[in-house]
Structure formats: C-alpha cells, structure tokens
C-alpha cells in the first residue's frame, strides 16, 4: 500500500510539473502567437550578455513592428511591464 501511495504522489507531481511547464510556455508565447529567441551579444565591457527576443507572428524586416527594451535590474518593476501600464505610451518612437 505504501509504495502505491508513493507512486501516486510521484505521478501527480510529474503531471503538475508538466501542466505548469505547458502553461508557462503557452503564456510566454501568447498561445503560440509569439516566438521567443535567445539572443547573446557583447556588452561595452566585453562581457557576454543574454536576452530573450519576443517576435510576434507576421513581423519581418519587410513588415517591422515597434519594440520595447525591458532591462533586468534597474526599474525592472512588474507594474512597468503590465499590459495596462501604458509605459510605452510615454516613449517617443525611435527610427532605427
């Protein structure tokens, strides 16, 4: 009986981890509408930096879209990245 109960808890734990991972992936990609790419580049001091690049479907060099840079650390507040914060409304558009 004890091993049966342990096995049930183990399987339940695996199912919860799988569901959590799938939910996180679905949320991060807006249900598959955004691709997430790992980007690596050299900083000004020669240190390698990494970032995640979120690219919505339909965006290309021919069909560009505005971008927002959210830096981890200084002013990395959740309320600034909230969908309802209108943070981007205060940033002037920049032509690159």
Protein backbone atom coordinates (compact mmCIF):
# COMPACT_ATOMS: atom_id res chain seq x y z
CA UNK A 1 0.00 0.00 0.00
CA UNK A 2 2.77 2.46 0.91
CA UNK A 3 4.55 2.11 -2.46
CA UNK A 4 1.25 2.51 -4.26
CA UNK A 5 0.62 5.77 -2.42
CA UNK A 6 4.19 6.96 -3.09
CA UNK A 7 3.83 6.11 -6.78
CA UNK A 8 0.54 8.02 -6.96
CA UNK A 9 2.15 11.10 -5.38
CA UNK A 10 5.12 10.82 -7.72
CA UNK A 11 2.87 10.63 -10.80
CA UNK A 12 0.75 13.51 -9.50
CA UNK A 13 3.92 15.59 -9.03
CA UNK A 14 5.07 14.82 -12.59
CA UNK A 15 1.66 15.74 -14.00
CA UNK A 16 1.66 19.05 -12.09
CA UNK A 17 5.18 19.89 -13.34
CA UNK A 18 4.15 19.07 -16.92
CA UNK A 19 0.98 21.15 -16.69
CA UNK A 20 2.93 24.04 -15.13
CA UNK A 21 5.57 23.95 -17.88
CA UNK A 22 2.99 23.84 -20.66
CA UNK A 23 1.02 26.67 -19.07
CA UNK A 24 4.18 28.80 -18.75
CA UNK A 25 5.15 28.15 -22.39
CA UNK A 26 1.64 28.97 -23.60
CA UNK A 27 1.56 32.16 -21.53
CA UNK A 28 5.04 33.31 -22.61
CA UNK A 29 4.19 32.86 -26.30
CA UNK A 30 0.63 34.24 -26.11
CA UNK A 31 -0.78 30.91 -27.17
CA UNK A 32 1.77 30.42 -29.95
CA UNK A 33 1.38 33.92 -31.43
CA UNK A 34 4.90 34.98 -30.40
CA UNK A 35 8.21 33.22 -30.98
CA UNK A 36 10.84 33.52 -28.24
CA UNK A 37 14.51 33.55 -29.25
CA UNK A 38 17.61 33.51 -27.09
CA UNK A 39 19.94 36.35 -28.10
CA UNK A 40 23.59 36.74 -26.99
CA UNK A 41 25.72 39.84 -27.52
CA UNK A 42 28.84 41.51 -26.15
CA UNK A 43 28.44 44.39 -23.70
CA UNK A 44 30.59 47.50 -23.68
CA UNK A 45 33.00 45.93 -21.18
CA UNK A 46 33.40 42.76 -23.29
CA UNK A 47 31.11 40.70 -21.08
CA UNK A 48 28.64 38.44 -22.88
CA UNK A 49 25.03 39.42 -22.21
CA UNK A 50 21.91 37.44 -22.96
CA UNK A 51 18.32 38.37 -23.61
CA UNK A 52 15.05 36.94 -24.83
CA UNK A 53 13.70 38.38 -28.07
CA UNK A 54 9.91 38.15 -28.44
CA UNK A 55 8.81 38.34 -32.07
CA UNK A 56 5.06 38.37 -32.88
CA UNK A 57 3.78 36.41 -35.88
CA UNK A 58 3.81 38.42 -39.10
CA UNK A 59 6.78 40.61 -38.13
CA UNK A 60 9.75 40.64 -40.50
CA UNK A 61 12.28 43.02 -42.00
CA UNK A 62 9.66 43.93 -44.60
CA UNK A 63 6.87 44.30 -42.00
CA UNK A 64 8.59 45.78 -38.91
CA UNK A 65 6.90 46.42 -35.58
CA UNK A 66 7.81 48.69 -32.65
CA UNK A 67 9.97 47.19 -29.95
CA UNK A 68 10.32 47.69 -26.21
CA UNK A 69 13.52 47.02 -24.32
CA UNK A 70 12.91 45.90 -20.73
CA UNK A 71 16.21 45.70 -18.85
CA UNK A 72 16.53 43.37 -15.89
CA UNK A 73 17.61 45.18 -12.76
CA UNK A 74 17.19 48.93 -12.66
CA UNK A 75 13.48 49.81 -12.74
CA UNK A 76 12.59 46.21 -13.58
CA UNK A 77 9.21 46.53 -11.91
CA UNK A 78 6.31 44.29 -12.79
CA UNK A 79 3.93 47.25 -12.88
CA UNK A 80 6.01 48.83 -15.67
CA UNK A 81 5.68 45.68 -17.77
CA UNK A 82 1.99 45.21 -17.12
CA UNK A 83 -0.28 45.21 -20.14
CA UNK A 84 -2.30 48.03 -18.55
CA UNK A 85 0.64 50.24 -17.51
CA UNK A 86 0.74 52.26 -20.78
CA UNK A 87 4.51 52.51 -20.21
CA UNK A 88 5.14 52.51 -23.97
CA UNK A 89 2.73 55.43 -24.44
CA UNK A 90 5.30 57.69 -22.80
CA UNK A 91 8.20 56.59 -25.02
CA UNK A 92 8.70 58.52 -28.24
CA UNK A 93 9.03 56.32 -31.34
CA UNK A 94 12.60 55.80 -32.47
CA UNK A 95 13.59 55.16 -36.05
CA UNK A 96 16.38 52.63 -36.39
